[in-house]
Amino acid sequence: MAYAQKMLLEGVSDAVCFVLGALAGYGLGQAVGIDIFADGYSGAGIVGILMVGLGGGAGLHIARIWRGRQQAKDRLKEAEAD
């Protein structure tokens, strides 16, 4: 795979997984009754914002784990082919 394709895959997978994780954090907050868009900065609103940030970070971490496993599989296939 060319360098540009690897970088594109990395960027797109990071972005997609970050957004999905952030949406999961937002949805979890909504499920427990936390509205991050409420007026002012209440304690619940701050917790909701924190949940969105942690969800995005977790999604990004999952994307990097997935890419690492894919790269390990690719290296194993190349080693077996030699």
PDB file of N, CA and C in Angstrom:
ATOM      1  N   MET A   1       0.853  -1.171   0.000  1.00  0.00           N
ATOM      2  CA  MET A   1       0.000   0.000   0.000  1.00  0.00           C
ATOM      3  C   MET A   1       0.899   1.233   0.000  1.00  0.00           C
ATOM      4  N   ALA A   2       0.547   2.189  -0.798  1.00  0.00           N
ATOM      5  CA  ALA A   2       1.342   3.405  -0.912  1.00  0.00           C
ATOM      6  C   ALA A   2       1.224   4.250   0.362  1.00  0.00           C
ATOM      7  N   TYR A   3       2.231   5.079   0.567  1.00  0.00           N
ATOM      8  CA  TYR A   3       2.285   5.917   1.764  1.00  0.00           C
ATOM      9  C   TYR A   3       1.057   6.822   1.865  1.00  0.00           C
ATOM     10  N   ALA A   4       0.649   7.423   0.749  1.00  0.00           N
ATOM     11  CA  ALA A   4      -0.501   8.326   0.762  1.00  0.00           C
ATOM     12  C   ALA A   4      -1.780   7.580   1.138  1.00  0.00           C
ATOM     13  N   GLN A   5      -1.912   6.353   0.654  1.00  0.00           N
ATOM     14  CA  GLN A   5      -3.097   5.561   0.994  1.00  0.00           C
ATOM     15  C   GLN A   5      -3.112   5.204   2.473  1.00  0.00           C
ATOM     16  N   LYS A   6      -1.940   4.889   3.035  1.00  0.00           N
ATOM     17  CA  LYS A   6      -1.858   4.578   4.463  1.00  0.00           C
ATOM     18  C   LYS A   6      -2.253   5.789   5.300  1.00  0.00           C
ATOM     19  N   MET A   7      -1.776   6.962   4.908  1.00  0.00           N
ATOM     20  CA  MET A   7      -2.093   8.169   5.655  1.00  0.00           C
ATOM     21  C   MET A   7      -3.580   8.518   5.537  1.00  0.00           C
ATOM     22  N   LEU A   8      -4.151   8.303   4.361  1.00  0.00           N
ATOM     23  CA  LEU A   8      -5.573   8.552   4.177  1.00  0.00           C
ATOM     24  C   LEU A   8      -6.399   7.601   5.040  1.00  0.00           C
ATOM     25  N   LEU A   9      -6.025   6.320   5.056  1.00  0.00           N
ATOM     26  CA  LEU A   9      -6.720   5.343   5.891  1.00  0.00           C
ATOM     27  C   LEU A   9      -6.615   5.721   7.361  1.00  0.00           C
ATOM     28  N   GLU A  10      -5.438   6.151   7.782  1.00  0.00           N
ATOM     29  CA  GLU A  10      -5.249   6.560   9.176  1.00  0.00           C
ATOM     30  C   GLU A  10      -6.123   7.750   9.532  1.00  0.00           C
ATOM     31  N   GLY A  11      -6.141   8.748   8.696  1.00  0.00           N
ATOM     32  CA  GLY A  11      -6.932   9.944   8.977  1.00  0.00           C
ATOM     33  C   GLY A  11      -8.422   9.680   8.984  1.00  0.00           C
ATOM     34  N   VAL A  12      -8.893   8.927   8.010  1.00  0.00           N
ATOM     35  CA  VAL A  12     -10.325   8.646   7.929  1.00  0.00           C
ATOM     36  C   VAL A  12     -10.770   7.752   9.081  1.00  0.00           C
ATOM     37  N   SER A  13      -9.990   6.730   9.395  1.00  0.00           N
ATOM     38  CA  SER A  13     -10.384   5.840  10.496  1.00  0.00           C
ATOM     39  C   SER A  13     -10.353   6.578  11.830  1.00  0.00           C
ATOM     40  N   ASP A  14      -9.365   7.446  12.039  1.00  0.00           N
ATOM     41  CA  ASP A  14      -9.324   8.246  13.262  1.00  0.00           C
ATOM     42  C   ASP A  14     -10.561   9.140  13.369  1.00  0.00           C
ATOM     43  N   ALA A  15     -10.891   9.821  12.285  1.00  0.00           N
ATOM     44  CA  ALA A  15     -12.017  10.751  12.302  1.00  0.00           C
ATOM     45  C   ALA A  15     -13.341  10.030  12.530  1.00  0.00           C
ATOM     46  N   VAL A  16     -13.556   8.943  11.806  1.00  0.00           N
ATOM     47  CA  VAL A  16     -14.822   8.223  11.925  1.00  0.00           C
ATOM     48  C   VAL A  16     -14.985   7.644  13.323  1.00  0.00           C
ATOM     49  N   CYS A  17     -13.955   7.006  13.830  1.00  0.00           N
ATOM     50  CA  CYS A  17     -14.060   6.401  15.161  1.00  0.00           C
ATOM     51  C   CYS A  17     -14.166   7.451  16.259  1.00  0.00           C
ATOM     52  N   PHE A  18     -13.498   8.592  16.090  1.00  0.00           N
ATOM     53  CA  PHE A  18     -13.626   9.666  17.069  1.00  0.00           C
ATOM     54  C   PHE A  18     -15.063  10.177  17.119  1.00  0.00           C
ATOM     55  N   VAL A  19     -15.646  10.422  15.953  1.00  0.00           N
ATOM     56  CA  VAL A  19     -17.020  10.932  15.900  1.00  0.00           C
ATOM     57  C   VAL A  19     -17.997   9.899  16.458  1.00  0.00           C
ATOM     58  N   LEU A  20     -17.827   8.626  16.087  1.00  0.00           N
ATOM     59  CA  LEU A  20     -18.719   7.594  16.612  1.00  0.00           C
ATOM     60  C   LEU A  20     -18.594   7.466  18.126  1.00  0.00           C
ATOM     61  N   GLY A  21     -17.377   7.556  18.644  1.00  0.00           N
ATOM     62  CA  GLY A  21     -17.185   7.512  20.092  1.00  0.00           C
ATOM     63  C   GLY A  21     -17.808   8.705  20.790  1.00  0.00           C
ATOM     64  N   ALA A  22     -17.651   9.887  20.196  1.00  0.00           N
ATOM     65  CA  ALA A  22     -18.251  11.086  20.784  1.00  0.00           C
ATOM     66  C   ALA A  22     -19.778  10.983  20.766  1.00  0.00           C
ATOM     67  N   LEU A  23     -20.331  10.463  19.690  1.00  0.00           N
ATOM     68  CA  LEU A  23     -21.784  10.280  19.625  1.00  0.00           C
ATOM     69  C   LEU A  23     -22.259   9.246  20.642  1.00  0.00           C
ATOM     70  N   ALA A  24     -21.453   8.214  20.856  1.00  0.00           N
ATOM     71  CA  ALA A  24     -21.800   7.219  21.877  1.00  0.00           C
ATOM     72  C   ALA A  24     -21.788   7.856  23.261  1.00  0.00           C
ATOM     73  N   GLY A  25     -20.792   8.684  23.543  1.00  0.00           N
ATOM     74  CA  GLY A  25     -20.745   9.396  24.818  1.00  0.00           C
ATOM     75  C   GLY A  25     -21.925  10.337  24.989  1.00  0.00           C
ATOM     76  N   TYR A  26     -22.297  11.022  23.920  1.00  0.00           N
ATOM     77  CA  TYR A  26     -23.453  11.915  23.961  1.00  0.00           C
ATOM     78  C   TYR A  26     -24.734  11.121  24.203  1.00  0.00           C
ATOM     79  N   GLY A  27     -24.871  10.012  23.482  1.00  0.00           N
ATOM     80  CA  GLY A  27     -26.059   9.177  23.649  1.00  0.00           C
ATOM     81  C   GLY A  27     -26.169   8.599  25.050  1.00  0.00           C
ATOM     82  N   LEU A  28     -25.039   8.186  25.609  1.00  0.00           N
ATOM     83  CA  LEU A  28     -25.041   7.670  26.977  1.00  0.00           C
ATOM     84  C   LEU A  28     -25.455   8.769  27.951  1.00  0.00           C
ATOM     85  N   GLY A  29     -24.955   9.973  27.720  1.00  0.00           N
ATOM     86  CA  GLY A  29     -25.352  11.089  28.570  1.00  0.00           C
ATOM     87  C   GLY A  29     -26.840  11.389  28.465  1.00  0.00           C
ATOM     88  N   GLN A  30     -27.364  11.353  27.261  1.00  0.00           N
ATOM     89  CA  GLN A  30     -28.798  11.569  27.070  1.00  0.00           C
ATOM     90  C   GLN A  30     -29.615  10.473  27.738  1.00  0.00           C
ATOM     91  N   ALA A  31     -29.104   9.235  27.700  1.00  0.00           N
ATOM     92  CA  ALA A  31     -29.825   8.108  28.294  1.00  0.00           C
ATOM     93  C   ALA A  31     -29.952   8.249  29.809  1.00  0.00           C
ATOM     94  N   VAL A  32     -28.967   8.873  30.432  1.00  0.00           N
ATOM     95  CA  VAL A  32     -29.034   9.066  31.882  1.00  0.00           C
ATOM     96  C   VAL A  32     -29.560  10.446  32.263  1.00  0.00           C
ATOM     97  N   GLY A  33     -30.018  11.218  31.278  1.00  0.00           N
ATOM     98  CA  GLY A  33     -30.666  12.494  31.544  1.00  0.00           C
ATOM     99  C   GLY A  33     -29.745  13.695  31.625  1.00  0.00           C
ATOM    100  N   ILE A  34     -28.570  13.620  31.014  1.00  0.00           N
ATOM    101  CA  ILE A  34     -27.626  14.738  31.035  1.00  0.00           C
ATOM    102  C   ILE A  34     -27.694  15.464  29.697  1.00  0.00           C
ATOM    103  N   ASP A  35     -27.987  16.764  29.753  1.00  0.00           N
ATOM    104  CA  ASP A  35     -28.073  17.572  28.537  1.00  0.00           C
ATOM    105  C   ASP A  35     -26.874  18.514  28.489  1.00  0.00           C
ATOM    106  N   ILE A  36     -25.986  18.287  27.518  1.00  0.00           N
ATOM    107  CA  ILE A  36     -24.787  19.129  27.443  1.00  0.00           C
ATOM    108  C   ILE A  36     -25.085  20.504  26.855  1.00  0.00           C
ATOM    109  N   PHE A  37     -26.265  20.665  26.259  1.00  0.00           N
ATOM    110  CA  PHE A  37     -26.627  21.942  25.649  1.00  0.00           C
ATOM    111  C   PHE A  37     -27.549  22.786  26.519  1.00  0.00           C
ATOM    112  N   ALA A  38     -27.685  22.424  27.789  1.00  0.00           N
ATOM    113  CA  ALA A  38     -28.507  23.208  28.711  1.00  0.00           C
ATOM    114  C   ALA A  38     -27.845  24.566  28.957  1.00  0.00           C
ATOM    115  N   ASP A  39     -28.645  25.544  29.342  1.00  0.00           N
ATOM    116  CA  ASP A  39     -28.114  26.881  29.621  1.00  0.00           C
ATOM    117  C   ASP A  39     -27.173  26.845  30.820  1.00  0.00           C
ATOM    118  N   GLY A  40     -26.081  27.557  30.708  1.00  0.00           N
ATOM    119  CA  GLY A  40     -25.122  27.638  31.801  1.00  0.00           C
ATOM    120  C   GLY A  40     -24.240  26.408  31.874  1.00  0.00           C
ATOM    121  N   TYR A  41     -23.340  26.442  32.819  1.00  0.00           N
ATOM    122  CA  TYR A  41     -22.421  25.326  33.027  1.00  0.00           C
ATOM    123  C   TYR A  41     -22.727  24.668  34.367  1.00  0.00           C
ATOM    124  N   SER A  42     -23.727  23.835  34.349  1.00  0.00           N
ATOM    125  CA  SER A  42     -24.065  23.109  35.573  1.00  0.00           C
ATOM    126  C   SER A  42     -23.126  21.919  35.714  1.00  0.00           C
ATOM    127  N   GLY A  43     -23.146  21.306  36.878  1.00  0.00           N
ATOM    128  CA  GLY A  43     -22.312  20.128  37.102  1.00  0.00           C
ATOM    129  C   GLY A  43     -22.668  19.003  36.143  1.00  0.00           C
ATOM    130  N   ALA A  44     -23.961  18.818  35.896  1.00  0.00           N
ATOM    131  CA  ALA A  44     -24.396  17.764  34.976  1.00  0.00           C
ATOM    132  C   ALA A  44     -23.938  18.067  33.551  1.00  0.00           C
ATOM    133  N   GLY A  45     -23.974  19.323  33.163  1.00  0.00           N
ATOM    134  CA  GLY A  45     -23.522  19.702  31.826  1.00  0.00           C
ATOM    135  C   GLY A  45     -22.032  19.431  31.629  1.00  0.00           C
ATOM    136  N   ILE A  46     -21.249  19.732  32.652  1.00  0.00           N
ATOM    137  CA  ILE A  46     -19.810  19.472  32.596  1.00  0.00           C
ATOM    138  C   ILE A  46     -19.551  17.972  32.496  1.00  0.00           C
ATOM    139  N   VAL A  47     -20.292  17.170  33.262  1.00  0.00           N
ATOM    140  CA  VAL A  47     -20.142  15.715  33.191  1.00  0.00           C
ATOM    141  C   VAL A  47     -20.505  15.219  31.799  1.00  0.00           C
ATOM    142  N   GLY A  48     -21.549  15.797  31.206  1.00  0.00           N
ATOM    143  CA  GLY A  48     -21.945  15.410  29.853  1.00  0.00           C
ATOM    144  C   GLY A  48     -20.864  15.742  28.834  1.00  0.00           C
ATOM    145  N   ILE A  49     -20.268  16.905  28.945  1.00  0.00           N
ATOM    146  CA  ILE A  49     -19.176  17.289  28.046  1.00  0.00           C
ATOM    147  C   ILE A  49     -17.991  16.347  28.228  1.00  0.00           C
ATOM    148  N   LEU A  50     -17.714  15.992  29.465  1.00  0.00           N
ATOM    149  CA  LEU A  50     -16.644  15.049  29.757  1.00  0.00           C
ATOM    150  C   LEU A  50     -16.934  13.682  29.130  1.00  0.00           C
ATOM    151  N   MET A  51     -18.183  13.259  29.180  1.00  0.00           N
ATOM    152  CA  MET A  51     -18.556  11.972  28.578  1.00  0.00           C
ATOM    153  C   MET A  51     -18.353  11.988  27.065  1.00  0.00           C
ATOM    154  N   VAL A  52     -18.686  13.087  26.423  1.00  0.00           N
ATOM    155  CA  VAL A  52     -18.483  13.211  24.979  1.00  0.00           C
ATOM    156  C   VAL A  52     -16.991  13.160  24.663  1.00  0.00           C
ATOM    157  N   GLY A  53     -16.179  13.868  25.419  1.00  0.00           N
ATOM    158  CA  GLY A  53     -14.736  13.865  25.192  1.00  0.00           C
ATOM    159  C   GLY A  53     -14.110  12.509  25.423  1.00  0.00           C
ATOM    160  N   LEU A  54     -14.511  11.843  26.495  1.00  0.00           N
ATOM    161  CA  LEU A  54     -13.981  10.512  26.772  1.00  0.00           C
ATOM    162  C   LEU A  54     -14.431   9.501  25.716  1.00  0.00           C
ATOM    163  N   GLY A  55     -15.669   9.641  25.254  1.00  0.00           N
ATOM    164  CA  GLY A  55     -16.150   8.751  24.193  1.00  0.00           C
ATOM    165  C   GLY A  55     -15.363   8.946  22.904  1.00  0.00           C
ATOM    166  N   GLY A  56     -15.073  10.185  22.559  1.00  0.00           N
ATOM    167  CA  GLY A  56     -14.268  10.467  21.366  1.00  0.00           C
ATOM    168  C   GLY A  56     -12.861   9.919  21.505  1.00  0.00           C
ATOM    169  N   GLY A  57     -12.274  10.087  22.668  1.00  0.00           N
ATOM    170  CA  GLY A  57     -10.932   9.557  22.910  1.00  0.00           C
ATOM    171  C   GLY A  57     -10.904   8.036  22.856  1.00  0.00           C
ATOM    172  N   ALA A  58     -11.940   7.407  23.397  1.00  0.00           N
ATOM    173  CA  ALA A  58     -12.021   5.946  23.354  1.00  0.00           C
ATOM    174  C   ALA A  58     -12.180   5.462  21.917  1.00  0.00           C
ATOM    175  N   GLY A  59     -12.980   6.165  21.139  1.00  0.00           N
ATOM    176  CA  GLY A  59     -13.134   5.807  19.727  1.00  0.00           C
ATOM    177  C   GLY A  59     -11.825   5.922  18.971  1.00  0.00           C
ATOM    178  N   LEU A  60     -11.077   6.951  19.240  1.00  0.00           N
ATOM    179  CA  LEU A  60      -9.771   7.136  18.607  1.00  0.00           C
ATOM    180  C   LEU A  60      -8.813   6.020  19.005  1.00  0.00           C
ATOM    181  N   HIS A  61      -8.841   5.645  20.264  1.00  0.00           N
ATOM    182  CA  HIS A  61      -7.980   4.562  20.747  1.00  0.00           C
ATOM    183  C   HIS A  61      -8.360   3.237  20.071  1.00  0.00           C
ATOM    184  N   ILE A  62      -9.637   2.987  19.926  1.00  0.00           N
ATOM    185  CA  ILE A  62     -10.103   1.769  19.261  1.00  0.00           C
ATOM    186  C   ILE A  62      -9.645   1.750  17.805  1.00  0.00           C
ATOM    187  N   ALA A  63      -9.699   2.895  17.131  1.00  0.00           N
ATOM    188  CA  ALA A  63      -9.246   2.965  15.741  1.00  0.00           C
ATOM    189  C   ALA A  63      -7.765   2.619  15.636  1.00  0.00           C
ATOM    190  N   ARG A  64      -6.972   3.110  16.562  1.00  0.00           N
ATOM    191  CA  ARG A  64      -5.534   2.828  16.511  1.00  0.00           C
ATOM    192  C   ARG A  64      -5.228   1.374  16.833  1.00  0.00           C
ATOM    193  N   ILE A  65      -5.988   0.785  17.740  1.00  0.00           N
ATOM    194  CA  ILE A  65      -5.813  -0.645  18.014  1.00  0.00           C
ATOM    195  C   ILE A  65      -6.165  -1.456  16.769  1.00  0.00           C
ATOM    196  N   TRP A  66      -7.266  -1.106  16.128  1.00  0.00           N
ATOM    197  CA  TRP A  66      -7.706  -1.811  14.918  1.00  0.00           C
ATOM    198  C   TRP A  66      -6.647  -1.719  13.820  1.00  0.00           C
ATOM    199  N   ARG A  67      -6.109  -0.506  13.606  1.00  0.00           N
ATOM    200  CA  ARG A  67      -5.077  -0.342  12.571  1.00  0.00           C
ATOM    201  C   ARG A  67      -3.823  -1.132  12.906  1.00  0.00           C
ATOM    202  N   GLY A  68      -3.444  -1.172  14.171  1.00  0.00           N
ATOM    203  CA  GLY A  68      -2.278  -1.943  14.582  1.00  0.00           C
ATOM    204  C   GLY A  68      -2.454  -3.422  14.307  1.00  0.00           C
ATOM    205  N   ARG A  69      -3.635  -3.930  14.553  1.00  0.00           N
ATOM    206  CA  ARG A  69      -3.906  -5.344  14.271  1.00  0.00           C
ATOM    207  C   ARG A  69      -3.894  -5.611  12.775  1.00  0.00           C
ATOM    208  N   GLN A  70      -4.432  -4.680  11.999  1.00  0.00           N
ATOM    209  CA  GLN A  70      -4.425  -4.844  10.543  1.00  0.00           C
ATOM    210  C   GLN A  70      -2.991  -4.853  10.023  1.00  0.00           C
ATOM    211  N   GLN A  71      -2.157  -3.978  10.549  1.00  0.00           N
ATOM    212  CA  GLN A  71      -0.763  -3.931  10.112  1.00  0.00           C
ATOM    213  C   GLN A  71      -0.024  -5.199  10.508  1.00  0.00           C
ATOM    214  N   ALA A  72      -0.337  -5.737  11.680  1.00  0.00           N
ATOM    215  CA  ALA A  72       0.306  -6.983  12.106  1.00  0.00           C
ATOM    216  C   ALA A  72      -0.096  -8.130  11.179  1.00  0.00           C
ATOM    217  N   LYS A  73      -1.364  -8.175  10.785  1.00  0.00           N
ATOM    218  CA  LYS A  73      -1.823  -9.207   9.849  1.00  0.00           C
ATOM    219  C   LYS A  73      -1.126  -9.064   8.506  1.00  0.00           C
ATOM    220  N   ASP A  74      -0.974  -7.830   8.032  1.00  0.00           N
ATOM    221  CA  ASP A  74      -0.297  -7.587   6.760  1.00  0.00           C
ATOM    222  C   ASP A  74       1.158  -8.019   6.815  1.00  0.00           C
ATOM    223  N   ARG A  75       1.846  -7.721   7.920  1.00  0.00           N
ATOM    224  CA  ARG A  75       3.242  -8.134   8.065  1.00  0.00           C
ATOM    225  C   ARG A  75       3.359  -9.655   8.118  1.00  0.00           C
ATOM    226  N   LEU A  76       2.410 -10.304   8.770  1.00  0.00           N
ATOM    227  CA  LEU A  76       2.421 -11.767   8.847  1.00  0.00           C
ATOM    228  C   LEU A  76       2.224 -12.379   7.469  1.00  0.00           C
ATOM    229  N   LYS A  77       1.322 -11.823   6.671  1.00  0.00           N
ATOM    230  CA  LYS A  77       1.105 -12.316   5.315  1.00  0.00           C
ATOM    231  C   LYS A  77       2.361 -12.135   4.454  1.00  0.00           C
ATOM    232  N   GLU A  78       3.021 -10.994   4.617  1.00  0.00           N
ATOM    233  CA  GLU A  78       4.249 -10.740   3.853  1.00  0.00           C
ATOM    234  C   GLU A  78       5.350 -11.710   4.273  1.00  0.00           C
ATOM    235  N   ALA A  79       5.440 -11.999   5.565  1.00  0.00           N
ATOM    236  CA  ALA A  79       6.465 -12.928   6.052  1.00  0.00           C
ATOM    237  C   ALA A  79       6.201 -14.343   5.552  1.00  0.00           C
ATOM    238  N   GLU A  80       4.937 -14.735   5.490  1.00  0.00           N
ATOM    239  CA  GLU A  80       4.596 -16.059   5.000  1.00  0.00           C
ATOM    240  C   GLU A  80       4.846 -16.183   3.503  1.00  0.00           C
ATOM    241  N   ALA A  81       4.702 -15.083   2.779  1.00  0.00           N
ATOM    242  CA  ALA A  81       4.903 -15.101   1.340  1.00  0.00           C
ATOM    243  C   ALA A  81       6.377 -15.225   0.992  1.00  0.00           C
ATOM    244  N   ASP A  82       7.249 -14.764   1.860  1.00  0.00           N
ATOM    245  CA  ASP A  82       8.705 -14.835   1.581  1.00  0.00           C
ATOM    246  C   ASP A  82       9.271 -16.175   1.778  1.00  0.00           C
TER     247      ASP A  82
END
